Amino acid sequence: MQVSRSPVRKTVYILMLILLPILTMFVCLCIGRYFISVKDVFECLLSRANDGEGVNRLAYITVWNVRFPRLLLAFLVGAGLSCAGLIFQSLFQNPLATPDTLGVAGGASFGAVLSLLLGFSMILMQLISFAFGCIAVALTMLAAKGKSRSLNTIVLSGIMMGSLFSALVSLVKFSADSEQQLPSITYWLMGSLQSATYTSLLIGLIPILISVTVLLLLRWRLNLLLLSEEEVISTGTNIPTLRLTAILCATAATASSISMCGQVGWVGLIVPHMCRMMFGNDHRYLLPASISLGGSFLIIVDTLARSATAAEIPISILTAIIGAPFFLFLMRKKGGWAI
């Protein structure tokens, strides 16, 4: 089903998706247990150059030191995961493919919980988590190597590698101290953006930005992933190189996202389908739409997580509560999936 066949409607969608992250972030800067008026938020943003002179000091600190880095992290993670999910769904032509298809989430989670067990700093934990996510995908590709490295073989290898690292995560949890280490490990695995700082953003920003930029530059060719081998050969495109590049970019974006805030499910599954309902299967529009919609979606969910109750709700709980019914709604609306 392609909702946006009309060029006028497609243009309207594009304009909406350009404005959506900006408006969402601005509104969410106001919302929290300490409410800040639209006027105060606007003044805080404008007074950044003179370090908040002449504005409400508490509002300024809340906007710039607490909420803004967190909202920026939510946008980056949402954009990275939705792009990765889109790439894997198109690459494997599987509507249920997620950013964890090749085991990257399991590897990144193992690196993070191992760092928590050993008492490493948050920055070092982030680097180790990213490294293990990449290692998991490398092992997946190595395990799938053979006379015919088919896409189905790669997916099966990824499932097995994800199961292996999930077992290693369970082993670390079993070895952790039940009063101090285990609660922090369990909470991290459920996902949270509350540890967002400008330093952690700087480290995680680079892989996501590079990956998304490369995918945007290749978006004209990513439509070839949906064609048969014979049709691709006729275009003269080196399809193995294109596939490998797409996998590496999706892996880096996913590993970096998980290393910063833990496991965040459903974003990479439902957002690409929402974008396909607006733009069909044209990656020239799908990728920018996934960036906008994925980032905006996670900003809204994170704002609910930190504002709905006195104690912050782990973000993966909310994404599942929102994502599962919405995915069923999309499935019924489309009458089945076609990629």
C-alpha atoms as a PDB file:
ATOM      1  CA  MET A   1       0.000   0.000   0.000  1.00  0.00           C
ATOM      2  CA  GLN A   2       1.413   3.385  -0.998  1.00  0.00           C
ATOM      3  CA  VAL A   3      -0.496   6.270   0.486  1.00  0.00           C
ATOM      4  CA  SER A   4       1.506   9.076  -1.088  1.00  0.00           C
ATOM      5  CA  ARG A   5       1.127   8.560  -4.833  1.00  0.00           C
ATOM      6  CA  SER A   6       0.186  12.220  -5.312  1.00  0.00           C
ATOM      7  CA  PRO A   7       3.201  14.590  -5.718  1.00  0.00           C
ATOM      8  CA  VAL A   8       1.315  17.278  -3.788  1.00  0.00           C
ATOM      9  CA  ARG A   9       0.669  14.936  -0.863  1.00  0.00           C
ATOM     10  CA  LYS A  10       4.271  13.770  -0.939  1.00  0.00           C
ATOM     11  CA  THR A  11       5.470  17.394  -0.782  1.00  0.00           C
ATOM     12  CA  VAL A  12       3.195  18.065   2.191  1.00  0.00           C
ATOM     13  CA  TYR A  13       4.598  15.003   3.980  1.00  0.00           C
ATOM     14  CA  ILE A  14       8.159  16.178   3.327  1.00  0.00           C
ATOM     15  CA  LEU A  15       7.472  19.629   4.779  1.00  0.00           C
ATOM     16  CA  MET A  16       5.801  18.086   7.819  1.00  0.00           C
ATOM     17  CA  LEU A  17       8.733  15.744   8.430  1.00  0.00           C
ATOM     18  CA  ILE A  18      11.224  18.629   8.205  1.00  0.00           C
ATOM     19  CA  LEU A  19       9.352  20.634  10.849  1.00  0.00           C
ATOM     20  CA  LEU A  20       8.355  17.683  13.066  1.00  0.00           C
ATOM     21  CA  PRO A  21      11.676  17.120  14.954  1.00  0.00           C
ATOM     22  CA  ILE A  22      12.137  20.863  15.578  1.00  0.00           C
ATOM     23  CA  LEU A  23       8.629  21.379  16.931  1.00  0.00           C
ATOM     24  CA  THR A  24       8.720  18.146  18.934  1.00  0.00           C
ATOM     25  CA  MET A  25      12.017  19.009  20.582  1.00  0.00           C
ATOM     26  CA  PHE A  26      10.877  22.545  21.424  1.00  0.00           C
ATOM     27  CA  VAL A  27       7.622  21.340  23.007  1.00  0.00           C
ATOM     28  CA  CYS A  28       9.392  18.590  24.963  1.00  0.00           C
ATOM     29  CA  LEU A  29      11.857  21.130  26.367  1.00  0.00           C
ATOM     30  CA  CYS A  30       8.873  22.607  28.200  1.00  0.00           C
ATOM     31  CA  ILE A  31       7.524  19.330  29.567  1.00  0.00           C
ATOM     32  CA  GLY A  32       8.752  17.660  32.730  1.00  0.00           C
ATOM     33  CA  ARG A  33       8.169  17.514  36.461  1.00  0.00           C
ATOM     34  CA  TYR A  34       9.436  21.090  36.410  1.00  0.00           C
ATOM     35  CA  PHE A  35       7.313  22.782  33.746  1.00  0.00           C
ATOM     36  CA  ILE A  36       8.922  25.612  31.768  1.00  0.00           C
ATOM     37  CA  SER A  37       6.773  27.998  29.775  1.00  0.00           C
ATOM     38  CA  VAL A  38       7.231  28.408  26.043  1.00  0.00           C
ATOM     39  CA  LYS A  39       8.398  31.982  26.604  1.00  0.00           C
ATOM     40  CA  ASP A  40      11.085  30.908  29.106  1.00  0.00           C
ATOM     41  CA  VAL A  41      12.318  28.112  26.839  1.00  0.00           C
ATOM     42  CA  PHE A  42      12.593  30.524  23.931  1.00  0.00           C
ATOM     43  CA  GLU A  43      14.519  33.019  26.059  1.00  0.00           C
ATOM     44  CA  CYS A  44      16.848  30.291  27.371  1.00  0.00           C
ATOM     45  CA  LEU A  45      17.649  29.165  23.844  1.00  0.00           C
ATOM     46  CA  LEU A  46      18.377  32.706  22.685  1.00  0.00           C
ATOM     47  CA  SER A  47      20.530  33.525  25.726  1.00  0.00           C
ATOM     48  CA  ARG A  48      23.003  30.676  25.185  1.00  0.00           C
ATOM     49  CA  ALA A  49      25.609  33.058  23.762  1.00  0.00           C
ATOM     50  CA  ASN A  50      25.764  35.147  26.964  1.00  0.00           C
ATOM     51  CA  ASP A  51      25.516  32.160  29.344  1.00  0.00           C
ATOM     52  CA  GLY A  52      21.914  32.797  30.347  1.00  0.00           C
ATOM     53  CA  GLU A  53      22.237  36.329  31.648  1.00  0.00           C
ATOM     54  CA  GLY A  54      18.897  37.995  32.285  1.00  0.00           C
ATOM     55  CA  VAL A  55      16.791  34.805  32.243  1.00  0.00           C
ATOM     56  CA  ASN A  56      15.454  32.402  34.840  1.00  0.00           C
ATOM     57  CA  ARG A  57      18.616  30.597  36.001  1.00  0.00           C
ATOM     58  CA  LEU A  58      16.884  27.374  37.021  1.00  0.00           C
ATOM     59  CA  ALA A  59      15.056  27.220  33.691  1.00  0.00           C
ATOM     60  CA  TYR A  60      18.310  27.886  31.811  1.00  0.00           C
ATOM     61  CA  ILE A  61      20.179  25.080  33.609  1.00  0.00           C
ATOM     62  CA  THR A  62      17.253  22.685  33.137  1.00  0.00           C
ATOM     63  CA  VAL A  63      16.978  23.427  29.416  1.00  0.00           C
ATOM     64  CA  TRP A  64      20.662  23.343  28.488  1.00  0.00           C
ATOM     65  CA  ASN A  65      22.222  20.945  31.014  1.00  0.00           C
ATOM     66  CA  VAL A  66      19.418  18.449  31.594  1.00  0.00           C
ATOM     67  CA  ARG A  67      16.825  18.328  28.840  1.00  0.00           C
ATOM     68  CA  PHE A  68      18.596  19.456  25.677  1.00  0.00           C
ATOM     69  CA  PRO A  69      21.376  16.787  25.705  1.00  0.00           C
ATOM     70  CA  ARG A  70      18.785  14.157  26.525  1.00  0.00           C
ATOM     71  CA  LEU A  71      16.460  15.202  23.701  1.00  0.00           C
ATOM     72  CA  LEU A  72      19.398  15.370  21.309  1.00  0.00           C
ATOM     73  CA  LEU A  73      20.396  11.835  22.331  1.00  0.00           C
ATOM     74  CA  ALA A  74      16.803  10.658  21.816  1.00  0.00           C
ATOM     75  CA  PHE A  75      16.764  12.129  18.313  1.00  0.00           C
ATOM     76  CA  LEU A  76      20.121  10.576  17.376  1.00  0.00           C
ATOM     77  CA  VAL A  77      19.204   7.131  18.723  1.00  0.00           C
ATOM     78  CA  GLY A  78      15.742   7.194  17.154  1.00  0.00           C
ATOM     79  CA  ALA A  79      17.147   8.274  13.790  1.00  0.00           C
ATOM     80  CA  GLY A  80      19.960   5.716  13.898  1.00  0.00           C
ATOM     81  CA  LEU A  81      17.754   2.778  14.874  1.00  0.00           C
ATOM     82  CA  SER A  82      15.005   3.597  12.376  1.00  0.00           C
ATOM     83  CA  CYS A  83      17.539   3.909   9.529  1.00  0.00           C
ATOM     84  CA  ALA A  84      19.164   0.616  10.541  1.00  0.00           C
ATOM     85  CA  GLY A  85      15.788  -1.118  10.661  1.00  0.00           C
ATOM     86  CA  LEU A  86      14.893   0.265   7.241  1.00  0.00           C
ATOM     87  CA  ILE A  87      18.162  -0.961   5.735  1.00  0.00           C
ATOM     88  CA  PHE A  88      17.837  -4.473   7.139  1.00  0.00           C
ATOM     89  CA  GLN A  89      14.191  -4.773   6.091  1.00  0.00           C
ATOM     90  CA  SER A  90      15.103  -3.768   2.546  1.00  0.00           C
ATOM     91  CA  LEU A  91      18.332  -5.776   2.412  1.00  0.00           C
ATOM     92  CA  PHE A  92      16.801  -9.039   3.629  1.00  0.00           C
ATOM     93  CA  GLN A  93      13.344  -8.247   2.174  1.00  0.00           C
ATOM     94  CA  ASN A  94      11.861  -9.182   5.521  1.00  0.00           C
ATOM     95  CA  PRO A  95       9.205  -6.945   7.159  1.00  0.00           C
ATOM     96  CA  LEU A  96      10.177  -8.270  10.601  1.00  0.00           C
ATOM     97  CA  ALA A  97      13.879  -7.425  10.301  1.00  0.00           C
ATOM     98  CA  THR A  98      15.160  -5.163  13.091  1.00  0.00           C
ATOM     99  CA  PRO A  99      18.481  -3.433  13.903  1.00  0.00           C
ATOM    100  CA  ASP A 100      19.398  -6.561  15.908  1.00  0.00           C
ATOM    101  CA  THR A 101      19.067  -8.907  12.935  1.00  0.00           C
ATOM    102  CA  LEU A 102      22.828  -9.564  12.793  1.00  0.00           C
ATOM    103  CA  GLY A 103      23.362  -9.819  16.559  1.00  0.00           C
ATOM    104  CA  VAL A 104      24.689  -6.310  17.113  1.00  0.00           C
ATOM    105  CA  ALA A 105      22.366  -5.583  20.062  1.00  0.00           C
ATOM    106  CA  GLY A 106      23.453  -8.749  21.860  1.00  0.00           C
ATOM    107  CA  GLY A 107      27.126  -7.939  21.360  1.00  0.00           C
ATOM    108  CA  ALA A 108      26.767  -4.311  22.442  1.00  0.00           C
ATOM    109  CA  SER A 109      24.739  -5.342  25.495  1.00  0.00           C
ATOM    110  CA  PHE A 110      27.377  -7.868  26.521  1.00  0.00           C
ATOM    111  CA  GLY A 111      30.105  -5.230  26.270  1.00  0.00           C
ATOM    112  CA  ALA A 112      28.084  -2.832  28.406  1.00  0.00           C
ATOM    113  CA  VAL A 113      27.116  -5.275  31.174  1.00  0.00           C
ATOM    114  CA  LEU A 114      30.693  -6.588  31.299  1.00  0.00           C
ATOM    115  CA  SER A 115      31.885  -2.998  31.797  1.00  0.00           C
ATOM    116  CA  LEU A 116      29.324  -2.480  34.561  1.00  0.00           C
ATOM    117  CA  LEU A 117      30.479  -5.699  36.226  1.00  0.00           C
ATOM    118  CA  LEU A 118      34.109  -4.541  36.148  1.00  0.00           C
ATOM    119  CA  GLY A 119      33.251  -1.042  37.347  1.00  0.00           C
ATOM    120  CA  PHE A 120      34.417   0.879  34.285  1.00  0.00           C
ATOM    121  CA  SER A 121      33.471   4.510  33.688  1.00  0.00           C
ATOM    122  CA  MET A 122      30.476   5.409  31.511  1.00  0.00           C
ATOM    123  CA  ILE A 123      32.686   6.646  28.682  1.00  0.00           C
ATOM    124  CA  LEU A 124      34.784   3.471  28.657  1.00  0.00           C
ATOM    125  CA  MET A 125      31.616   1.388  28.875  1.00  0.00           C
ATOM    126  CA  GLN A 126      30.271   3.180  25.830  1.00  0.00           C
ATOM    127  CA  LEU A 127      33.433   2.441  23.817  1.00  0.00           C
ATOM    128  CA  ILE A 128      33.550  -1.233  24.872  1.00  0.00           C
ATOM    129  CA  SER A 129      29.858  -1.696  24.114  1.00  0.00           C
ATOM    130  CA  PHE A 130      30.310  -0.231  20.636  1.00  0.00           C
ATOM    131  CA  ALA A 131      33.335  -2.469  20.014  1.00  0.00           C
ATOM    132  CA  PHE A 132      31.513  -5.662  21.025  1.00  0.00           C
ATOM    133  CA  GLY A 133      28.543  -4.742  18.844  1.00  0.00           C
ATOM    134  CA  CYS A 134      30.848  -4.522  15.842  1.00  0.00           C
ATOM    135  CA  ILE A 135      32.608  -7.754  16.860  1.00  0.00           C
ATOM    136  CA  ALA A 136      29.264  -9.584  16.973  1.00  0.00           C
ATOM    137  CA  VAL A 137      28.454  -8.561  13.393  1.00  0.00           C
ATOM    138  CA  ALA A 138      31.962  -9.456  12.228  1.00  0.00           C
ATOM    139  CA  LEU A 139      31.534 -12.923  13.739  1.00  0.00           C
ATOM    140  CA  THR A 140      28.140 -13.214  12.063  1.00  0.00           C
ATOM    141  CA  MET A 141      29.610 -12.430   8.655  1.00  0.00           C
ATOM    142  CA  LEU A 142      32.492 -14.817   9.308  1.00  0.00           C
ATOM    143  CA  ALA A 143      30.128 -17.615  10.322  1.00  0.00           C
ATOM    144  CA  ALA A 144      28.068 -17.072   7.166  1.00  0.00           C
ATOM    145  CA  LYS A 145      31.132 -17.191   4.936  1.00  0.00           C
ATOM    146  CA  GLY A 146      31.123 -20.109   2.551  1.00  0.00           C
ATOM    147  CA  LYS A 147      30.715 -21.135  -1.061  1.00  0.00           C
ATOM    148  CA  SER A 148      27.429 -19.223  -1.227  1.00  0.00           C
ATOM    149  CA  ARG A 149      26.946 -16.510   1.360  1.00  0.00           C
ATOM    150  CA  SER A 150      23.224 -16.049   0.862  1.00  0.00           C
ATOM    151  CA  LEU A 151      21.180 -13.458   2.725  1.00  0.00           C
ATOM    152  CA  ASN A 152      19.246 -16.202   4.508  1.00  0.00           C
ATOM    153  CA  THR A 153      22.513 -17.698   5.772  1.00  0.00           C
ATOM    154  CA  ILE A 154      23.592 -14.305   7.117  1.00  0.00           C
ATOM    155  CA  VAL A 155      20.264 -13.861   8.924  1.00  0.00           C
ATOM    156  CA  LEU A 156      20.474 -17.317  10.502  1.00  0.00           C
ATOM    157  CA  SER A 157      24.053 -16.663  11.573  1.00  0.00           C
ATOM    158  CA  GLY A 158      22.929 -13.386  13.114  1.00  0.00           C
ATOM    159  CA  ILE A 159      20.194 -15.112  15.089  1.00  0.00           C
ATOM    160  CA  MET A 160      22.665 -17.656  16.428  1.00  0.00           C
ATOM    161  CA  MET A 161      25.205 -14.960  17.311  1.00  0.00           C
ATOM    162  CA  GLY A 162      22.510 -12.940  19.082  1.00  0.00           C
ATOM    163  CA  SER A 163      21.576 -16.008  21.126  1.00  0.00           C
ATOM    164  CA  LEU A 164      25.230 -16.592  22.025  1.00  0.00           C
ATOM    165  CA  PHE A 165      25.738 -13.061  23.308  1.00  0.00           C
ATOM    166  CA  SER A 166      22.405 -13.152  25.127  1.00  0.00           C
ATOM    167  CA  ALA A 167      23.696 -16.210  26.988  1.00  0.00           C
ATOM    168  CA  LEU A 168      26.890 -14.320  27.838  1.00  0.00           C
ATOM    169  CA  VAL A 169      24.806 -11.425  29.157  1.00  0.00           C
ATOM    170  CA  SER A 170      22.912 -13.882  31.377  1.00  0.00           C
ATOM    171  CA  LEU A 171      26.227 -15.274  32.591  1.00  0.00           C
ATOM    172  CA  VAL A 172      27.405 -11.793  33.579  1.00  0.00           C
ATOM    173  CA  LYS A 173      24.106 -11.144  35.400  1.00  0.00           C
ATOM    174  CA  PHE A 174      24.510 -14.457  37.238  1.00  0.00           C
ATOM    175  CA  SER A 175      28.030 -13.437  38.310  1.00  0.00           C
ATOM    176  CA  ALA A 176      27.087  -9.899  39.389  1.00  0.00           C
ATOM    177  CA  ASP A 177      26.522  -8.810  42.969  1.00  0.00           C
ATOM    178  CA  SER A 178      22.782  -9.067  43.592  1.00  0.00           C
ATOM    179  CA  GLU A 179      22.547  -5.900  45.710  1.00  0.00           C
ATOM    180  CA  GLN A 180      24.703  -3.392  43.815  1.00  0.00           C
ATOM    181  CA  GLN A 181      25.701  -4.532  40.328  1.00  0.00           C
ATOM    182  CA  LEU A 182      22.683  -6.593  39.243  1.00  0.00           C
ATOM    183  CA  PRO A 183      20.087  -3.786  39.643  1.00  0.00           C
ATOM    184  CA  SER A 184      22.189  -1.363  37.581  1.00  0.00           C
ATOM    185  CA  ILE A 185      22.767  -4.010  34.887  1.00  0.00           C
ATOM    186  CA  THR A 186      19.060  -4.869  34.740  1.00  0.00           C
ATOM    187  CA  TYR A 187      18.051  -1.210  34.554  1.00  0.00           C
ATOM    188  CA  TRP A 188      20.580  -0.483  31.804  1.00  0.00           C
ATOM    189  CA  LEU A 189      19.310  -3.408  29.734  1.00  0.00           C
ATOM    190  CA  MET A 190      15.790  -1.948  29.856  1.00  0.00           C
ATOM    191  CA  GLY A 191      17.054   1.268  28.279  1.00  0.00           C
ATOM    192  CA  SER A 192      17.314   4.794  29.623  1.00  0.00           C
ATOM    193  CA  LEU A 193      18.500   8.175  28.353  1.00  0.00           C
ATOM    194  CA  GLN A 194      18.997   9.784  31.751  1.00  0.00           C
ATOM    195  CA  SER A 195      22.806   9.501  31.614  1.00  0.00           C
ATOM    196  CA  ALA A 196      22.990  11.756  28.544  1.00  0.00           C
ATOM    197  CA  THR A 197      25.823  14.289  28.672  1.00  0.00           C
ATOM    198  CA  TYR A 198      27.527  16.363  26.016  1.00  0.00           C
ATOM    199  CA  THR A 199      30.668  14.213  26.420  1.00  0.00           C
ATOM    200  CA  SER A 200      28.848  10.917  25.840  1.00  0.00           C
ATOM    201  CA  LEU A 201      26.988  12.510  22.935  1.00  0.00           C
ATOM    202  CA  LEU A 202      30.241  13.551  21.325  1.00  0.00           C
ATOM    203  CA  ILE A 203      31.523   9.976  21.363  1.00  0.00           C
ATOM    204  CA  GLY A 204      28.340   8.360  20.111  1.00  0.00           C
ATOM    205  CA  LEU A 205      27.485  11.124  17.662  1.00  0.00           C
ATOM    206  CA  ILE A 206      30.309  10.405  15.224  1.00  0.00           C
ATOM    207  CA  PRO A 207      29.402   6.795  14.195  1.00  0.00           C
ATOM    208  CA  ILE A 208      25.713   7.656  13.807  1.00  0.00           C
ATOM    209  CA  LEU A 209      26.377  10.810  11.778  1.00  0.00           C
ATOM    210  CA  ILE A 210      28.870   9.077   9.486  1.00  0.00           C
ATOM    211  CA  SER A 211      26.582   6.069   8.964  1.00  0.00           C
ATOM    212  CA  VAL A 212      23.452   8.113   8.273  1.00  0.00           C
ATOM    213  CA  THR A 213      25.361  10.468   5.961  1.00  0.00           C
ATOM    214  CA  VAL A 214      26.754   7.579   3.904  1.00  0.00           C
ATOM    215  CA  LEU A 215      23.298   6.007   3.644  1.00  0.00           C
ATOM    216  CA  LEU A 216      21.797   9.314   2.551  1.00  0.00           C
ATOM    217  CA  LEU A 217      24.443   9.646  -0.161  1.00  0.00           C
ATOM    218  CA  LEU A 218      23.635   6.090  -1.324  1.00  0.00           C
ATOM    219  CA  ARG A 219      19.859   6.395  -1.063  1.00  0.00           C
ATOM    220  CA  TRP A 220      19.510   6.584  -4.849  1.00  0.00           C
ATOM    221  CA  ARG A 221      21.161   3.152  -5.163  1.00  0.00           C
ATOM    222  CA  LEU A 222      19.490   1.511  -2.155  1.00  0.00           C
ATOM    223  CA  ASN A 223      16.375   0.929  -4.259  1.00  0.00           C
ATOM    224  CA  LEU A 224      18.438  -1.729  -6.069  1.00  0.00           C
ATOM    225  CA  LEU A 225      18.339  -3.851  -2.925  1.00  0.00           C
ATOM    226  CA  LEU A 226      14.711  -4.645  -3.748  1.00  0.00           C
ATOM    227  CA  LEU A 227      15.466  -5.916  -7.266  1.00  0.00           C
ATOM    228  CA  SER A 228      16.340  -9.432  -8.376  1.00  0.00           C
ATOM    229  CA  GLU A 229      19.945 -10.413  -9.080  1.00  0.00           C
ATOM    230  CA  GLU A 230      19.384 -10.325 -12.850  1.00  0.00           C
ATOM    231  CA  GLU A 231      17.939  -6.810 -12.748  1.00  0.00           C
ATOM    232  CA  VAL A 232      20.778  -5.552 -10.551  1.00  0.00           C
ATOM    233  CA  ILE A 233      23.447  -7.031 -12.830  1.00  0.00           C
ATOM    234  CA  SER A 234      21.908  -5.228 -15.792  1.00  0.00           C
ATOM    235  CA  THR A 235      22.462  -1.864 -14.036  1.00  0.00           C
ATOM    236  CA  GLY A 236      26.198  -2.472 -13.683  1.00  0.00           C
ATOM    237  CA  THR A 237      26.137  -1.916  -9.904  1.00  0.00           C
ATOM    238  CA  ASN A 238      28.506  -3.811  -7.624  1.00  0.00           C
ATOM    239  CA  ILE A 239      25.743  -5.201  -5.416  1.00  0.00           C
ATOM    240  CA  PRO A 240      28.014  -7.077  -2.911  1.00  0.00           C
ATOM    241  CA  THR A 241      29.844  -3.822  -2.146  1.00  0.00           C
ATOM    242  CA  LEU A 242      26.558  -1.951  -1.810  1.00  0.00           C
ATOM    243  CA  ARG A 243      25.189  -4.584   0.562  1.00  0.00           C
ATOM    244  CA  LEU A 244      28.357  -4.628   2.662  1.00  0.00           C
ATOM    245  CA  THR A 245      28.376  -0.833   2.923  1.00  0.00           C
ATOM    246  CA  ALA A 246      24.727  -0.791   3.968  1.00  0.00           C
ATOM    247  CA  ILE A 247      25.352  -3.495   6.595  1.00  0.00           C
ATOM    248  CA  LEU A 248      28.377  -1.678   8.024  1.00  0.00           C
ATOM    249  CA  CYS A 249      26.496   1.621   8.284  1.00  0.00           C
ATOM    250  CA  ALA A 250      23.435   0.033   9.907  1.00  0.00           C
ATOM    251  CA  THR A 251      25.681  -1.877  12.311  1.00  0.00           C
ATOM    252  CA  ALA A 252      27.646   1.209  13.377  1.00  0.00           C
ATOM    253  CA  ALA A 253      24.456   3.227  13.941  1.00  0.00           C
ATOM    254  CA  THR A 254      22.869   0.440  15.992  1.00  0.00           C
ATOM    255  CA  ALA A 255      25.967  -0.316  18.072  1.00  0.00           C
ATOM    256  CA  SER A 256      26.497   3.357  18.868  1.00  0.00           C
ATOM    257  CA  SER A 257      22.838   3.826  19.825  1.00  0.00           C
ATOM    258  CA  ILE A 258      22.794   0.836  22.162  1.00  0.00           C
ATOM    259  CA  SER A 259      26.130   1.784  23.722  1.00  0.00           C
ATOM    260  CA  MET A 260      24.695   5.161  24.784  1.00  0.00           C
ATOM    261  CA  CYS A 261      21.311   4.196  26.209  1.00  0.00           C
ATOM    262  CA  GLY A 262      20.868   0.412  26.355  1.00  0.00           C
ATOM    263  CA  GLN A 263      18.413  -1.703  24.404  1.00  0.00           C
ATOM    264  CA  VAL A 264      15.585   0.267  22.813  1.00  0.00           C
ATOM    265  CA  GLY A 265      13.168  -1.962  20.929  1.00  0.00           C
ATOM    266  CA  TRP A 266      10.458  -1.417  18.321  1.00  0.00           C
ATOM    267  CA  VAL A 267      11.782   1.881  16.927  1.00  0.00           C
ATOM    268  CA  GLY A 268      13.652   0.139  14.116  1.00  0.00           C
ATOM    269  CA  LEU A 269      10.639  -2.054  13.375  1.00  0.00           C
ATOM    270  CA  ILE A 270       7.585   0.205  13.267  1.00  0.00           C
ATOM    271  CA  VAL A 271       9.049   3.516  12.033  1.00  0.00           C
ATOM    272  CA  PRO A 272      10.202   2.149   8.627  1.00  0.00           C
ATOM    273  CA  HIS A 273       6.721   0.702   8.049  1.00  0.00           C
ATOM    274  CA  MET A 274       5.131   4.043   8.928  1.00  0.00           C
ATOM    275  CA  CYS A 275       7.418   5.733   6.408  1.00  0.00           C
ATOM    276  CA  ARG A 276       6.570   3.171   3.736  1.00  0.00           C
ATOM    277  CA  MET A 277       2.897   3.955   4.173  1.00  0.00           C
ATOM    278  CA  MET A 278       3.692   7.576   3.277  1.00  0.00           C
ATOM    279  CA  PHE A 279       6.380   7.164   0.603  1.00  0.00           C
ATOM    280  CA  GLY A 280       6.168   3.607  -0.700  1.00  0.00           C
ATOM    281  CA  ASN A 281       9.496   1.822  -1.239  1.00  0.00           C
ATOM    282  CA  ASP A 282      11.516   4.720  -2.635  1.00  0.00           C
ATOM    283  CA  HIS A 283      14.609   5.097  -0.431  1.00  0.00           C
ATOM    284  CA  ARG A 284      15.170   8.626  -1.709  1.00  0.00           C
ATOM    285  CA  TYR A 285      12.296   9.598   0.561  1.00  0.00           C
ATOM    286  CA  LEU A 286      12.291   6.692   3.003  1.00  0.00           C
ATOM    287  CA  LEU A 287      15.676   7.453   4.582  1.00  0.00           C
ATOM    288  CA  PRO A 288      15.061  11.155   5.337  1.00  0.00           C
ATOM    289  CA  ALA A 289      11.575  10.259   6.576  1.00  0.00           C
ATOM    290  CA  SER A 290      13.007   7.556   8.865  1.00  0.00           C
ATOM    291  CA  ILE A 291      15.465  10.062  10.336  1.00  0.00           C
ATOM    292  CA  SER A 292      12.730  12.592  11.064  1.00  0.00           C
ATOM    293  CA  LEU A 293      10.024  10.231  12.255  1.00  0.00           C
ATOM    294  CA  GLY A 294      12.342   7.922  14.221  1.00  0.00           C
ATOM    295  CA  GLY A 295      13.990  10.804  16.065  1.00  0.00           C
ATOM    296  CA  SER A 296      10.666  12.508  16.817  1.00  0.00           C
ATOM    297  CA  PHE A 297       9.088   9.248  17.992  1.00  0.00           C
ATOM    298  CA  LEU A 298      11.845   8.541  20.523  1.00  0.00           C
ATOM    299  CA  ILE A 299      11.822  12.156  21.758  1.00  0.00           C
ATOM    300  CA  ILE A 300       8.116  11.819  22.564  1.00  0.00           C
ATOM    301  CA  VAL A 301       8.532   8.402  24.205  1.00  0.00           C
ATOM    302  CA  ASP A 302      11.478   9.580  26.328  1.00  0.00           C
ATOM    303  CA  THR A 303       9.510  12.636  27.451  1.00  0.00           C
ATOM    304  CA  LEU A 304       6.699  10.323  28.582  1.00  0.00           C
ATOM    305  CA  ALA A 305       9.242   8.089  30.336  1.00  0.00           C
ATOM    306  CA  ARG A 306      10.661  10.922  32.453  1.00  0.00           C
ATOM    307  CA  SER A 307       7.407  12.827  33.026  1.00  0.00           C
ATOM    308  CA  ALA A 308       4.576  10.312  33.410  1.00  0.00           C
ATOM    309  CA  THR A 309       5.469   9.160  36.931  1.00  0.00           C
ATOM    310  CA  ALA A 310       7.679  10.257  39.810  1.00  0.00           C
ATOM    311  CA  ALA A 311      10.127   7.434  39.036  1.00  0.00           C
ATOM    312  CA  GLU A 312      11.434   7.280  35.483  1.00  0.00           C
ATOM    313  CA  ILE A 313      10.037   4.435  33.384  1.00  0.00           C
ATOM    314  CA  PRO A 314      12.605   2.411  31.370  1.00  0.00           C
ATOM    315  CA  ILE A 315      12.203   3.467  27.783  1.00  0.00           C
ATOM    316  CA  SER A 316      12.025  -0.042  26.298  1.00  0.00           C
ATOM    317  CA  ILE A 317       8.866  -0.681  28.331  1.00  0.00           C
ATOM    318  CA  LEU A 318       7.110   2.291  26.771  1.00  0.00           C
ATOM    319  CA  THR A 319       8.317   1.553  23.229  1.00  0.00           C
ATOM    320  CA  ALA A 320       6.902  -1.972  23.571  1.00  0.00           C
ATOM    321  CA  ILE A 321       3.598  -0.776  25.047  1.00  0.00           C
ATOM    322  CA  ILE A 322       3.198   1.782  22.263  1.00  0.00           C
ATOM    323  CA  GLY A 323       4.867  -0.169  19.474  1.00  0.00           C
ATOM    324  CA  ALA A 324       3.131  -3.540  19.688  1.00  0.00           C
ATOM    325  CA  PRO A 325      -0.486  -2.280  19.342  1.00  0.00           C
ATOM    326  CA  PHE A 326       0.562   0.262  16.728  1.00  0.00           C
ATOM    327  CA  PHE A 327       2.336  -2.426  14.701  1.00  0.00           C
ATOM    328  CA  LEU A 328      -0.847  -4.525  14.752  1.00  0.00           C
ATOM    329  CA  PHE A 329      -2.793  -1.463  13.613  1.00  0.00           C
ATOM    330  CA  LEU A 330      -0.394  -0.914  10.714  1.00  0.00           C
ATOM    331  CA  MET A 331      -0.581  -4.585   9.763  1.00  0.00           C
ATOM    332  CA  ARG A 332      -4.375  -4.540   9.649  1.00  0.00           C
ATOM    333  CA  LYS A 333      -4.399  -1.249   7.759  1.00  0.00           C
ATOM    334  CA  LYS A 334      -1.988  -2.500   5.102  1.00  0.00           C
ATOM    335  CA  GLY A 335      -3.606  -5.933   4.886  1.00  0.00           C
ATOM    336  CA  GLY A 336      -0.195  -7.633   4.951  1.00  0.00           C
ATOM    337  CA  TRP A 337       3.381  -6.547   4.314  1.00  0.00           C
ATOM    338  CA  ALA A 338       5.120  -6.097   1.003  1.00  0.00           C
ATOM    339  CA  ILE A 339       8.684  -4.855   0.720  1.00  0.00           C
END
